[in-house]
Full PDB file with SEQRES, HELIX, SHEET, SSBOND, CRYST1, ORIGX, SCALE, CONECT and MASTER records, all heavy atoms in Angstrom:
SEQRES   1 A   41  LEU SER ASP HIS VAL HIS ILE VAL ILE ARG LYS HIS ARG          
SEQRES   2 A   41  ASP ARG ALA GLU SER MET ILE ALA ARG LEU GLN GLU ALA          
SEQRES   3 A   41  SER ARG LEU ARG LEU SER SER GLU GLY LEU SER PRO PRO          
SEQRES   4 A   41  ASN HIS                                                      
HELIX    1 AA1 ALA A   16  SER A   33  1                                  18    
CRYST1    1.000    1.000    1.000  90.00  90.00  90.00 P 1           1          
ORIGX1      1.000000  0.000000  0.000000        0.00000                         
ORIGX2      0.000000  1.000000  0.000000        0.00000                         
ORIGX3      0.000000  0.000000  1.000000        0.00000                         
SCALE1      1.000000  0.000000  0.000000        0.00000                         
SCALE2      0.000000  1.000000  0.000000        0.00000                         
SCALE3      0.000000  0.000000  1.000000        0.00000                         
ATOM      1  N   LEU A   1     -16.590   2.890   0.885  1.00  0.00           N  
ATOM      2  CA  LEU A   1     -17.461   1.903   1.417  1.00  0.00           C  
ATOM      3  C   LEU A   1     -18.555   2.476   2.202  1.00  0.00           C  
ATOM      4  O   LEU A   1     -18.622   3.693   2.400  1.00  0.00           O  
ATOM      5  CB  LEU A   1     -16.649   0.863   2.184  1.00  0.00           C  
ATOM      6  CG  LEU A   1     -15.742  -0.001   1.280  1.00  0.00           C  
ATOM      7  CD1 LEU A   1     -14.447   0.678   1.179  1.00  0.00           C  
ATOM      8  CD2 LEU A   1     -15.553  -1.403   1.779  1.00  0.00           C  
ATOM      9  N   SER A   2     -19.449   1.650   2.774  1.00  0.00           N  
ATOM     10  CA  SER A   2     -20.598   2.234   3.488  1.00  0.00           C  
ATOM     11  C   SER A   2     -20.183   2.905   4.796  1.00  0.00           C  
ATOM     12  O   SER A   2     -20.890   3.759   5.231  1.00  0.00           O  
ATOM     13  CB  SER A   2     -21.595   1.015   3.920  1.00  0.00           C  
ATOM     14  OG  SER A   2     -20.987   0.151   4.723  1.00  0.00           O  
ATOM     15  N   ASP A   3     -19.018   2.635   5.319  1.00  0.00           N  
ATOM     16  CA  ASP A   3     -18.646   3.305   6.616  1.00  0.00           C  
ATOM     17  C   ASP A   3     -17.189   3.741   6.637  1.00  0.00           C  
ATOM     18  O   ASP A   3     -16.732   4.217   7.659  1.00  0.00           O  
ATOM     19  CB  ASP A   3     -18.945   2.320   7.747  1.00  0.00           C  
ATOM     20  CG  ASP A   3     -18.122   1.035   7.646  1.00  0.00           C  
ATOM     21  OD1 ASP A   3     -17.351   0.794   6.637  1.00  0.00           O  
ATOM     22  OD2 ASP A   3     -18.199   0.183   8.590  1.00  0.00           O  
ATOM     23  N   HIS A   4     -16.473   3.693   5.567  1.00  0.00           N  
ATOM     24  CA  HIS A   4     -15.146   4.191   5.551  1.00  0.00           C  
ATOM     25  C   HIS A   4     -14.634   4.349   4.101  1.00  0.00           C  
ATOM     26  O   HIS A   4     -15.154   3.885   3.159  1.00  0.00           O  
ATOM     27  CB  HIS A   4     -14.165   3.356   6.404  1.00  0.00           C  
ATOM     28  CG  HIS A   4     -13.944   1.964   5.906  1.00  0.00           C  
ATOM     29  ND1 HIS A   4     -14.757   0.892   5.923  1.00  0.00           N  
ATOM     30  CD2 HIS A   4     -12.734   1.540   5.264  1.00  0.00           C  
ATOM     31  CE1 HIS A   4     -14.152  -0.132   5.318  1.00  0.00           C  
ATOM     32  NE2 HIS A   4     -13.017   0.147   4.968  1.00  0.00           N  
ATOM     33  N   VAL A   5     -13.441   5.026   4.029  1.00  0.00           N  
ATOM     34  CA  VAL A   5     -12.788   5.292   2.798  1.00  0.00           C  
ATOM     35  C   VAL A   5     -11.267   4.861   2.898  1.00  0.00           C  
ATOM     36  O   VAL A   5     -10.640   5.063   3.937  1.00  0.00           O  
ATOM     37  CB  VAL A   5     -12.787   6.809   2.468  1.00  0.00           C  
ATOM     38  CG1 VAL A   5     -11.793   7.142   1.320  1.00  0.00           C  
ATOM     39  CG2 VAL A   5     -14.198   7.284   2.157  1.00  0.00           C  
ATOM     40  N   HIS A   6     -10.815   4.269   1.811  1.00  0.00           N  
ATOM     41  CA  HIS A   6      -9.300   3.995   1.658  1.00  0.00           C  
ATOM     42  C   HIS A   6      -8.920   4.773   0.399  1.00  0.00           C  
ATOM     43  O   HIS A   6      -9.673   4.719  -0.562  1.00  0.00           O  
ATOM     44  CB  HIS A   6      -9.083   2.485   1.447  1.00  0.00           C  
ATOM     45  CG  HIS A   6      -9.274   1.667   2.578  1.00  0.00           C  
ATOM     46  ND1 HIS A   6      -8.370   1.468   3.611  1.00  0.00           N  
ATOM     47  CD2 HIS A   6     -10.388   0.895   2.931  1.00  0.00           C  
ATOM     48  CE1 HIS A   6      -8.806   0.577   4.537  1.00  0.00           C  
ATOM     49  NE2 HIS A   6     -10.016   0.217   4.123  1.00  0.00           N  
ATOM     50  N   ILE A   7      -7.789   5.428   0.473  1.00  0.00           N  
ATOM     51  CA  ILE A   7      -7.290   6.165  -0.661  1.00  0.00           C  
ATOM     52  C   ILE A   7      -5.801   6.188  -0.634  1.00  0.00           C  
ATOM     53  O   ILE A   7      -5.178   6.291   0.371  1.00  0.00           O  
ATOM     54  CB  ILE A   7      -7.931   7.588  -0.707  1.00  0.00           C  
ATOM     55  CG1 ILE A   7      -7.757   8.236  -2.058  1.00  0.00           C  
ATOM     56  CG2 ILE A   7      -7.451   8.460   0.415  1.00  0.00           C  
ATOM     57  CD1 ILE A   7      -8.664   9.485  -2.291  1.00  0.00           C  
ATOM     58  N   VAL A   8      -5.182   5.962  -1.824  1.00  0.00           N  
ATOM     59  CA  VAL A   8      -3.768   6.124  -1.981  1.00  0.00           C  
ATOM     60  C   VAL A   8      -3.439   7.332  -2.893  1.00  0.00           C  
ATOM     61  O   VAL A   8      -3.906   7.413  -4.021  1.00  0.00           O  
ATOM     62  CB  VAL A   8      -3.122   4.860  -2.635  1.00  0.00           C  
ATOM     63  CG1 VAL A   8      -1.650   4.993  -2.829  1.00  0.00           C  
ATOM     64  CG2 VAL A   8      -3.556   3.642  -1.768  1.00  0.00           C  
ATOM     65  N   ILE A   9      -2.821   8.284  -2.321  1.00  0.00           N  
ATOM     66  CA  ILE A   9      -2.516   9.632  -3.064  1.00  0.00           C  
ATOM     67  C   ILE A   9      -0.999   9.745  -3.003  1.00  0.00           C  
ATOM     68  O   ILE A   9      -0.388   9.636  -1.888  1.00  0.00           O  
ATOM     69  CB  ILE A   9      -3.297  10.745  -2.444  1.00  0.00           C  
ATOM     70  CG1 ILE A   9      -4.735  10.609  -2.638  1.00  0.00           C  
ATOM     71  CG2 ILE A   9      -2.808  12.103  -3.102  1.00  0.00           C  
ATOM     72  CD1 ILE A   9      -5.664  11.809  -2.072  1.00  0.00           C  
ATOM     73  N   ARG A  10      -0.451  10.189  -4.160  1.00  0.00           N  
ATOM     74  CA  ARG A  10       0.989  10.520  -4.191  1.00  0.00           C  
ATOM     75  C   ARG A  10       1.307  11.731  -3.308  1.00  0.00           C  
ATOM     76  O   ARG A  10       0.513  12.588  -3.124  1.00  0.00           O  
ATOM     77  CB  ARG A  10       1.275  10.771  -5.689  1.00  0.00           C  
ATOM     78  CG  ARG A  10       2.757  11.030  -5.903  1.00  0.00           C  
ATOM     79  CD  ARG A  10       3.085  11.129  -7.363  1.00  0.00           C  
ATOM     80  NE  ARG A  10       2.782  12.388  -7.927  1.00  0.00           N  
ATOM     81  CZ  ARG A  10       2.833  12.706  -9.209  1.00  0.00           C  
ATOM     82  NH1 ARG A  10       3.110  11.779 -10.078  1.00  0.00           N  
ATOM     83  NH2 ARG A  10       2.608  13.939  -9.580  1.00  0.00           N  
ATOM     84  N   LYS A  11       2.555  11.684  -2.893  1.00  0.00           N  
ATOM     85  CA  LYS A  11       3.086  12.822  -2.152  1.00  0.00           C  
ATOM     86  C   LYS A  11       2.813  14.152  -2.897  1.00  0.00           C  
ATOM     87  O   LYS A  11       2.888  14.176  -4.111  1.00  0.00           O  
ATOM     88  CB  LYS A  11       4.605  12.623  -1.914  1.00  0.00           C  
ATOM     89  CG  LYS A  11       5.168  13.727  -1.105  1.00  0.00           C  
ATOM     90  CD  LYS A  11       6.682  13.446  -0.896  1.00  0.00           C  
ATOM     91  CE  LYS A  11       7.297  14.599  -0.118  1.00  0.00           C  
ATOM     92  NZ  LYS A  11       8.771  14.374   0.078  1.00  0.00           N  
ATOM     93  N   HIS A  12       2.582  15.206  -2.134  1.00  0.00           N  
ATOM     94  CA  HIS A  12       2.005  16.438  -2.707  1.00  0.00           C  
ATOM     95  C   HIS A  12       2.491  17.581  -1.840  1.00  0.00           C  
ATOM     96  O   HIS A  12       2.920  17.342  -0.685  1.00  0.00           O  
ATOM     97  CB  HIS A  12       0.557  16.392  -2.815  1.00  0.00           C  
ATOM     98  CG  HIS A  12      -0.065  17.462  -3.593  1.00  0.00           C  
ATOM     99  ND1 HIS A  12      -0.519  18.666  -2.986  1.00  0.00           N  
ATOM    100  CD2 HIS A  12      -0.447  17.550  -4.830  1.00  0.00           C  
ATOM    101  CE1 HIS A  12      -1.081  19.448  -3.841  1.00  0.00           C  
ATOM    102  NE2 HIS A  12      -1.032  18.809  -5.048  1.00  0.00           N  
ATOM    103  N   ARG A  13       2.396  18.818  -2.381  1.00  0.00           N  
ATOM    104  CA  ARG A  13       2.805  19.968  -1.515  1.00  0.00           C  
ATOM    105  C   ARG A  13       1.883  20.021  -0.318  1.00  0.00           C  
ATOM    106  O   ARG A  13       2.232  20.625   0.716  1.00  0.00           O  
ATOM    107  CB  ARG A  13       2.778  21.281  -2.434  1.00  0.00           C  
ATOM    108  CG  ARG A  13       1.375  21.699  -2.872  1.00  0.00           C  
ATOM    109  CD  ARG A  13       1.385  22.969  -3.645  1.00  0.00           C  
ATOM    110  NE  ARG A  13       0.132  23.216  -4.288  1.00  0.00           N  
ATOM    111  CZ  ARG A  13      -0.393  22.684  -5.340  1.00  0.00           C  
ATOM    112  NH1 ARG A  13       0.401  21.929  -6.176  1.00  0.00           N  
ATOM    113  NH2 ARG A  13      -1.501  22.977  -5.761  1.00  0.00           N  
ATOM    114  N   ASP A  14       0.714  19.655  -0.460  1.00  0.00           N  
ATOM    115  CA  ASP A  14      -0.291  19.608   0.699  1.00  0.00           C  
ATOM    116  C   ASP A  14       0.145  18.448   1.658  1.00  0.00           C  
ATOM    117  O   ASP A  14       0.483  17.351   1.169  1.00  0.00           O  
ATOM    118  CB  ASP A  14      -1.675  19.396   0.276  1.00  0.00           C  
ATOM    119  CG  ASP A  14      -2.255  20.626  -0.420  1.00  0.00           C  
ATOM    120  OD1 ASP A  14      -1.744  21.629  -0.416  1.00  0.00           O  
ATOM    121  OD2 ASP A  14      -3.391  20.433  -1.027  1.00  0.00           O  
ATOM    122  N   ARG A  15       0.063  18.693   2.944  1.00  0.00           N  
ATOM    123  CA  ARG A  15       0.344  17.629   3.859  1.00  0.00           C  
ATOM    124  C   ARG A  15      -0.879  16.604   3.843  1.00  0.00           C  
ATOM    125  O   ARG A  15      -1.893  16.941   3.460  1.00  0.00           O  
ATOM    126  CB  ARG A  15       0.487  18.195   5.293  1.00  0.00           C  
ATOM    127  CG  ARG A  15       1.727  19.139   5.412  1.00  0.00           C  
ATOM    128  CD  ARG A  15       1.776  19.807   6.783  1.00  0.00           C  
ATOM    129  NE  ARG A  15       1.546  18.868   7.952  1.00  0.00           N  
ATOM    130  CZ  ARG A  15       2.571  18.264   8.483  1.00  0.00           C  
ATOM    131  NH1 ARG A  15       3.786  18.422   8.189  1.00  0.00           N  
ATOM    132  NH2 ARG A  15       2.288  17.423   9.502  1.00  0.00           N  
ATOM    133  N   ALA A  16      -0.598  15.396   4.351  1.00  0.00           N  
ATOM    134  CA  ALA A  16      -1.483  14.337   4.322  1.00  0.00           C  
ATOM    135  C   ALA A  16      -2.790  14.841   5.130  1.00  0.00           C  
ATOM    136  O   ALA A  16      -3.936  14.596   4.598  1.00  0.00           O  
ATOM    137  CB  ALA A  16      -0.971  13.058   4.899  1.00  0.00           C  
ATOM    138  N   GLU A  17      -2.555  15.407   6.211  1.00  0.00           N  
ATOM    139  CA  GLU A  17      -3.689  15.887   7.053  1.00  0.00           C  
ATOM    140  C   GLU A  17      -4.573  16.913   6.284  1.00  0.00           C  
ATOM    141  O   GLU A  17      -5.784  16.875   6.399  1.00  0.00           O  
ATOM    142  CB  GLU A  17      -3.218  16.569   8.333  1.00  0.00           C  
ATOM    143  CG  GLU A  17      -2.505  15.627   9.235  1.00  0.00           C  
ATOM    144  CD  GLU A  17      -0.999  15.454   8.970  1.00  0.00           C  
ATOM    145  OE1 GLU A  17      -0.510  16.070   7.982  1.00  0.00           O  
ATOM    146  OE2 GLU A  17      -0.306  14.753   9.656  1.00  0.00           O  
ATOM    147  N   SER A  18      -3.924  17.767   5.474  1.00  0.00           N  
ATOM    148  CA  SER A  18      -4.681  18.705   4.671  1.00  0.00           C  
ATOM    149  C   SER A  18      -5.393  18.101   3.575  1.00  0.00           C  
ATOM    150  O   SER A  18      -6.629  18.500   3.266  1.00  0.00           O  
ATOM    151  CB  SER A  18      -3.736  19.812   4.098  1.00  0.00           C  
ATOM    152  OG  SER A  18      -3.147  20.536   5.109  1.00  0.00           O  
ATOM    153  N   MET A  19      -4.815  17.086   2.953  1.00  0.00           N  
ATOM    154  CA  MET A  19      -5.547  16.314   1.897  1.00  0.00           C  
ATOM    155  C   MET A  19      -6.766  15.619   2.418  1.00  0.00           C  
ATOM    156  O   MET A  19      -7.831  15.699   1.844  1.00  0.00           O  
ATOM    157  CB  MET A  19      -4.650  15.355   1.172  1.00  0.00           C  
ATOM    158  CG  MET A  19      -3.562  16.010   0.379  1.00  0.00           C  
ATOM    159  SD  MET A  19      -2.611  14.836  -0.673  1.00  0.00           S  
ATOM    160  CE  MET A  19      -1.270  14.502   0.467  1.00  0.00           C  
ATOM    161  N   ILE A  20      -6.658  14.998   3.564  1.00  0.00           N  
ATOM    162  CA  ILE A  20      -7.774  14.275   4.175  1.00  0.00           C  
ATOM    163  C   ILE A  20      -8.825  15.371   4.548  1.00  0.00           C  
ATOM    164  O   ILE A  20     -10.020  15.054   4.130  1.00  0.00           O  
ATOM    165  CB  ILE A  20      -7.332  13.538   5.414  1.00  0.00           C  
ATOM    166  CG1 ILE A  20      -6.435  12.333   5.077  1.00  0.00           C  
ATOM    167  CG2 ILE A  20      -8.555  13.048   6.269  1.00  0.00           C  
ATOM    168  CD1 ILE A  20      -5.714  11.719   6.265  1.00  0.00           C  
ATOM    169  N   ALA A  21      -8.494  16.403   5.196  1.00  0.00           N  
ATOM    170  CA  ALA A  21      -9.478  17.401   5.544  1.00  0.00           C  
ATOM    171  C   ALA A  21     -10.187  18.002   4.320  1.00  0.00           C  
ATOM    172  O   ALA A  21     -11.371  18.214   4.321  1.00  0.00           O  
ATOM    173  CB  ALA A  21      -8.787  18.511   6.334  1.00  0.00           C  
ATOM    174  N   ARG A  22      -9.418  18.215   3.212  1.00  0.00           N  
ATOM    175  CA  ARG A  22     -10.043  18.745   1.976  1.00  0.00           C  
ATOM    176  C   ARG A  22     -11.063  17.742   1.418  1.00  0.00           C  
ATOM    177  O   ARG A  22     -12.105  18.194   0.995  1.00  0.00           O  
ATOM    178  CB  ARG A  22      -8.979  19.049   0.961  1.00  0.00           C  
ATOM    179  CG  ARG A  22      -9.464  19.920  -0.225  1.00  0.00           C  
ATOM    180  CD  ARG A  22      -8.314  20.393  -1.058  1.00  0.00           C  
ATOM    181  NE  ARG A  22      -7.344  21.174  -0.360  1.00  0.00           N  
ATOM    182  CZ  ARG A  22      -7.375  22.517  -0.032  1.00  0.00           C  
ATOM    183  NH1 ARG A  22      -8.519  23.116  -0.436  1.00  0.00           N  
ATOM    184  NH2 ARG A  22      -6.365  23.074   0.601  1.00  0.00           N  
ATOM    185  N   LEU A  23     -10.673  16.524   1.351  1.00  0.00           N  
ATOM    186  CA  LEU A  23     -11.530  15.532   0.761  1.00  0.00           C  
ATOM    187  C   LEU A  23     -12.805  15.343   1.643  1.00  0.00           C  
ATOM    188  O   LEU A  23     -13.955  15.192   1.182  1.00  0.00           O  
ATOM    189  CB  LEU A  23     -10.803  14.203   0.559  1.00  0.00           C  
ATOM    190  CG  LEU A  23      -9.745  14.244  -0.562  1.00  0.00           C  
ATOM    191  CD1 LEU A  23      -8.866  13.040  -0.496  1.00  0.00           C  
ATOM    192  CD2 LEU A  23     -10.338  14.436  -1.931  1.00  0.00           C  
ATOM    193  N   GLN A  24     -12.598  15.283   2.971  1.00  0.00           N  
ATOM    194  CA  GLN A  24     -13.728  15.177   3.838  1.00  0.00           C  
ATOM    195  C   GLN A  24     -14.656  16.302   3.695  1.00  0.00           C  
ATOM    196  O   GLN A  24     -15.916  16.126   3.667  1.00  0.00           O  
ATOM    197  CB  GLN A  24     -13.235  15.038   5.288  1.00  0.00           C  
ATOM    198  CG  GLN A  24     -12.625  13.745   5.659  1.00  0.00           C  
ATOM    199  CD  GLN A  24     -12.164  13.670   7.058  1.00  0.00           C  
ATOM    200  OE1 GLN A  24     -11.935  14.689   7.763  1.00  0.00           O  
ATOM    201  NE2 GLN A  24     -11.940  12.424   7.548  1.00  0.00           N  
ATOM    202  N   GLU A  25     -14.102  17.574   3.756  1.00  0.00           N  
ATOM    203  CA  GLU A  25     -15.065  18.746   3.621  1.00  0.00           C  
ATOM    204  C   GLU A  25     -15.706  18.823   2.307  1.00  0.00           C  
ATOM    205  O   GLU A  25     -16.940  19.171   2.231  1.00  0.00           O  
ATOM    206  CB  GLU A  25     -14.205  20.014   3.852  1.00  0.00           C  
ATOM    207  CG  GLU A  25     -15.043  21.334   3.862  1.00  0.00           C  
ATOM    208  CD  GLU A  25     -16.054  21.429   5.021  1.00  0.00           C  
ATOM    209  OE1 GLU A  25     -16.132  20.537   5.862  1.00  0.00           O  
ATOM    210  OE2 GLU A  25     -16.707  22.385   5.046  1.00  0.00           O  
ATOM    211  N   ALA A  26     -15.062  18.515   1.188  1.00  0.00           N  
ATOM    212  CA  ALA A  26     -15.643  18.550  -0.104  1.00  0.00           C  
ATOM    213  C   ALA A  26     -16.833  17.576  -0.267  1.00  0.00           C  
ATOM    214  O   ALA A  26     -17.926  17.868  -0.673  1.00  0.00           O  
ATOM    215  CB  ALA A  26     -14.630  18.282  -1.202  1.00  0.00           C  
ATOM    216  N   SER A  27     -16.611  16.349   0.312  1.00  0.00           N  
ATOM    217  CA  SER A  27     -17.698  15.344   0.288  1.00  0.00           C  
ATOM    218  C   SER A  27     -18.852  15.698   1.233  1.00  0.00           C  
ATOM    219  O   SER A  27     -20.006  15.477   0.941  1.00  0.00           O  
ATOM    220  CB  SER A  27     -17.179  13.981   0.504  1.00  0.00           C  
ATOM    221  OG  SER A  27     -16.422  13.872   1.672  1.00  0.00           O  
ATOM    222  N   ARG A  28     -18.552  16.189   2.370  1.00  0.00           N  
ATOM    223  CA  ARG A  28     -19.550  16.645   3.320  1.00  0.00           C  
ATOM    224  C   ARG A  28     -20.484  17.715   2.664  1.00  0.00           C  
ATOM    225  O   ARG A  28     -21.719  17.603   2.685  1.00  0.00           O  
ATOM    226  CB  ARG A  28     -18.945  17.161   4.579  1.00  0.00           C  
ATOM    227  CG  ARG A  28     -20.029  17.559   5.653  1.00  0.00           C  
ATOM    228  CD  ARG A  28     -19.422  18.261   6.785  1.00  0.00           C  
ATOM    229  NE  ARG A  28     -18.997  19.574   6.531  1.00  0.00           N  
ATOM    230  CZ  ARG A  28     -19.759  20.629   6.372  1.00  0.00           C  
ATOM    231  NH1 ARG A  28     -21.101  20.500   6.343  1.00  0.00           N  
ATOM    232  NH2 ARG A  28     -19.366  21.839   6.014  1.00  0.00           N  
ATOM    233  N   LEU A  29     -19.857  18.716   2.101  1.00  0.00           N  
ATOM    234  CA  LEU A  29     -20.618  19.842   1.472  1.00  0.00           C  
ATOM    235  C   LEU A  29     -21.403  19.271   0.307  1.00  0.00           C  
ATOM    236  O   LEU A  29     -22.622  19.679   0.160  1.00  0.00           O  
ATOM    237  CB  LEU A  29     -19.639  20.880   0.960  1.00  0.00           C  
ATOM    238  CG  LEU A  29     -19.021  21.754   2.132  1.00  0.00           C  
ATOM    239  CD1 LEU A  29     -17.918  22.655   1.470  1.00  0.00           C  
ATOM    240  CD2 LEU A  29     -20.031  22.515   2.856  1.00  0.00           C  
ATOM    241  N   ARG A  30     -20.897  18.350  -0.520  1.00  0.00           N  
ATOM    242  CA  ARG A  30     -21.636  17.776  -1.625  1.00  0.00           C  
ATOM    243  C   ARG A  30     -22.879  17.012  -1.199  1.00  0.00           C  
ATOM    244  O   ARG A  30     -23.916  17.116  -1.725  1.00  0.00           O  
ATOM    245  CB  ARG A  30     -20.665  16.955  -2.556  1.00  0.00           C  
ATOM    246  CG  ARG A  30     -21.273  16.384  -3.790  1.00  0.00           C  
ATOM    247  CD  ARG A  30     -21.578  17.388  -4.929  1.00  0.00           C  
ATOM    248  NE  ARG A  30     -20.386  18.006  -5.353  1.00  0.00           N  
ATOM    249  CZ  ARG A  30     -19.637  17.603  -6.417  1.00  0.00           C  
ATOM    250  NH1 ARG A  30     -19.949  16.564  -7.080  1.00  0.00           N  
ATOM    251  NH2 ARG A  30     -18.538  18.268  -6.726  1.00  0.00           N  
ATOM    252  N   LEU A  31     -22.525  16.091  -0.211  1.00  0.00           N  
ATOM    253  CA  LEU A  31     -23.761  15.255   0.286  1.00  0.00           C  
ATOM    254  C   LEU A  31     -24.891  16.305   0.909  1.00  0.00           C  
ATOM    255  O   LEU A  31     -26.053  16.012   0.559  1.00  0.00           O  
ATOM    256  CB  LEU A  31     -23.252  14.412   1.411  1.00  0.00           C  
ATOM    257  CG  LEU A  31     -22.390  13.168   0.980  1.00  0.00           C  
ATOM    258  CD1 LEU A  31     -21.764  12.567   2.176  1.00  0.00           C  
ATOM    259  CD2 LEU A  31     -23.271  12.238   0.255  1.00  0.00           C  
ATOM    260  N   SER A  32     -24.458  17.312   1.540  1.00  0.00           N  
ATOM    261  CA  SER A  32     -25.435  18.211   2.115  1.00  0.00           C  
ATOM    262  C   SER A  32     -26.165  19.014   0.959  1.00  0.00           C  
ATOM    263  O   SER A  32     -27.404  19.066   0.967  1.00  0.00           O  
ATOM    264  CB  SER A  32     -24.808  19.179   2.982  1.00  0.00           C  
ATOM    265  OG  SER A  32     -25.655  20.133   3.504  1.00  0.00           O  
ATOM    266  N   SER A  33     -25.400  19.511   0.056  1.00  0.00           N  
ATOM    267  CA  SER A  33     -26.008  20.318  -1.049  1.00  0.00           C  
ATOM    268  C   SER A  33     -26.973  19.491  -1.917  1.00  0.00           C  
ATOM    269  O   SER A  33     -27.941  20.089  -2.473  1.00  0.00           O  
ATOM    270  CB  SER A  33     -24.972  20.994  -1.923  1.00  0.00           C  
ATOM    271  OG  SER A  33     -24.272  20.066  -2.751  1.00  0.00           O  
ATOM    272  N   GLU A  34     -26.720  18.231  -2.058  1.00  0.00           N  
ATOM    273  CA  GLU A  34     -27.577  17.349  -2.765  1.00  0.00           C  
ATOM    274  C   GLU A  34     -28.724  16.682  -1.989  1.00  0.00           C  
ATOM    275  O   GLU A  34     -29.374  15.859  -2.442  1.00  0.00           O  
ATOM    276  CB  GLU A  34     -26.790  16.270  -3.517  1.00  0.00           C  
ATOM    277  CG  GLU A  34     -25.863  16.893  -4.573  1.00  0.00           C  
ATOM    278  CD  GLU A  34     -25.220  15.918  -5.507  1.00  0.00           C  
ATOM    279  OE1 GLU A  34     -25.631  14.791  -5.521  1.00  0.00           O  
ATOM    280  OE2 GLU A  34     -24.208  16.386  -6.198  1.00  0.00           O  
ATOM    281  N   GLY A  35     -28.836  17.168  -0.685  1.00  0.00           N  
ATOM    282  CA  GLY A  35     -29.881  16.531   0.145  1.00  0.00           C  
ATOM    283  C   GLY A  35     -29.668  15.227   0.625  1.00  0.00           C  
ATOM    284  O   GLY A  35     -30.713  14.534   1.015  1.00  0.00           O  
ATOM    285  N   LEU A  36     -28.429  14.720   0.605  1.00  0.00           N  
ATOM    286  CA  LEU A  36     -28.170  13.349   1.024  1.00  0.00           C  
ATOM    287  C   LEU A  36     -27.591  13.211   2.463  1.00  0.00           C  
ATOM    288  O   LEU A  36     -27.397  12.123   2.857  1.00  0.00           O  
ATOM    289  CB  LEU A  36     -27.178  12.676   0.004  1.00  0.00           C  
ATOM    290  CG  LEU A  36     -27.707  12.550  -1.449  1.00  0.00           C  
ATOM    291  CD1 LEU A  36     -26.622  12.063  -2.383  1.00  0.00           C  
ATOM    292  CD2 LEU A  36     -29.005  11.675  -1.445  1.00  0.00           C  
ATOM    293  N   SER A  37     -27.452  14.339   3.034  1.00  0.00           N  
ATOM    294  CA  SER A  37     -27.010  14.372   4.462  1.00  0.00           C  
ATOM    295  C   SER A  37     -27.533  15.784   5.013  1.00  0.00           C  
ATOM    296  O   SER A  37     -27.407  16.768   4.365  1.00  0.00           O  
ATOM    297  CB  SER A  37     -25.496  14.273   4.538  1.00  0.00           C  
ATOM    298  OG  SER A  37     -25.042  14.377   5.842  1.00  0.00           O  
ATOM    299  N   PRO A  38     -28.008  15.710   6.262  1.00  0.00           N  
ATOM    300  CA  PRO A  38     -28.442  17.003   6.890  1.00  0.00           C  
ATOM    301  C   PRO A  38     -27.173  17.962   7.035  1.00  0.00           C  
ATOM    302  O   PRO A  38     -26.120  17.502   7.330  1.00  0.00           O  
ATOM    303  CB  PRO A  38     -28.973  16.623   8.289  1.00  0.00           C  
ATOM    304  CG  PRO A  38     -29.208  15.126   8.149  1.00  0.00           C  
ATOM    305  CD  PRO A  38     -28.302  14.585   7.131  1.00  0.00           C  
ATOM    306  N   PRO A  39     -27.355  19.241   6.809  1.00  0.00           N  
ATOM    307  CA  PRO A  39     -26.259  20.112   6.864  1.00  0.00           C  
ATOM    308  C   PRO A  39     -25.475  20.267   8.156  1.00  0.00           C  
ATOM    309  O   PRO A  39     -24.294  20.403   8.162  1.00  0.00           O  
ATOM    310  CB  PRO A  39     -26.847  21.521   6.602  1.00  0.00           C  
ATOM    311  CG  PRO A  39     -28.321  21.367   6.408  1.00  0.00           C  
ATOM    312  CD  PRO A  39     -28.606  19.941   6.518  1.00  0.00           C  
ATOM    313  N   ASN A  40     -26.149  19.997   9.244  1.00  0.00           N  
ATOM    314  CA  ASN A  40     -25.519  20.009  10.591  1.00  0.00           C  
ATOM    315  C   ASN A  40     -24.983  18.735  11.120  1.00  0.00           C  
ATOM    316  O   ASN A  40     -24.498  18.632  12.208  1.00  0.00           O  
ATOM    317  CB  ASN A  40     -26.457  20.659  11.601  1.00  0.00           C  
ATOM    318  CG  ASN A  40     -27.661  19.806  11.922  1.00  0.00           C  
ATOM    319  OD1 ASN A  40     -28.008  18.882  11.121  1.00  0.00           O  
ATOM    320  ND2 ASN A  40     -28.316  20.009  13.047  1.00  0.00           N  
ATOM    321  N   HIS A  41     -25.212  17.646  10.322  1.00  0.00           N  
ATOM    322  CA  HIS A  41     -24.791  16.332  10.819  1.00  0.00           C  
ATOM    323  C   HIS A  41     -23.340  16.068  10.314  1.00  0.00           C  
ATOM    324  O   HIS A  41     -22.974  16.183   9.166  1.00  0.00           O  
ATOM    325  CB  HIS A  41     -25.692  15.297  10.098  1.00  0.00           C  
ATOM    326  CG  HIS A  41     -25.511  13.895  10.713  1.00  0.00           C  
ATOM    327  ND1 HIS A  41     -24.385  13.216  10.698  1.00  0.00           N  
ATOM    328  CD2 HIS A  41     -26.427  13.135  11.278  1.00  0.00           C  
ATOM    329  CE1 HIS A  41     -24.566  12.019  11.312  1.00  0.00           C  
ATOM    330  NE2 HIS A  41     -25.802  11.942  11.630  1.00  0.00           N  
TER     331      HIS A  41                                                      
MASTER        0    0    0    1    0    0    0    6  330    1    0    4          
END                                                                             
């Protein structure tokens, strides 16, 4: 959504905190690389 994410992911070898961090970092990097978010924001 415009201000948050909801996601349901099956149990995995990665802990929930690691999955959240991985998804957050991947999307932050993609937004920045496509010029849709400043790199330091």
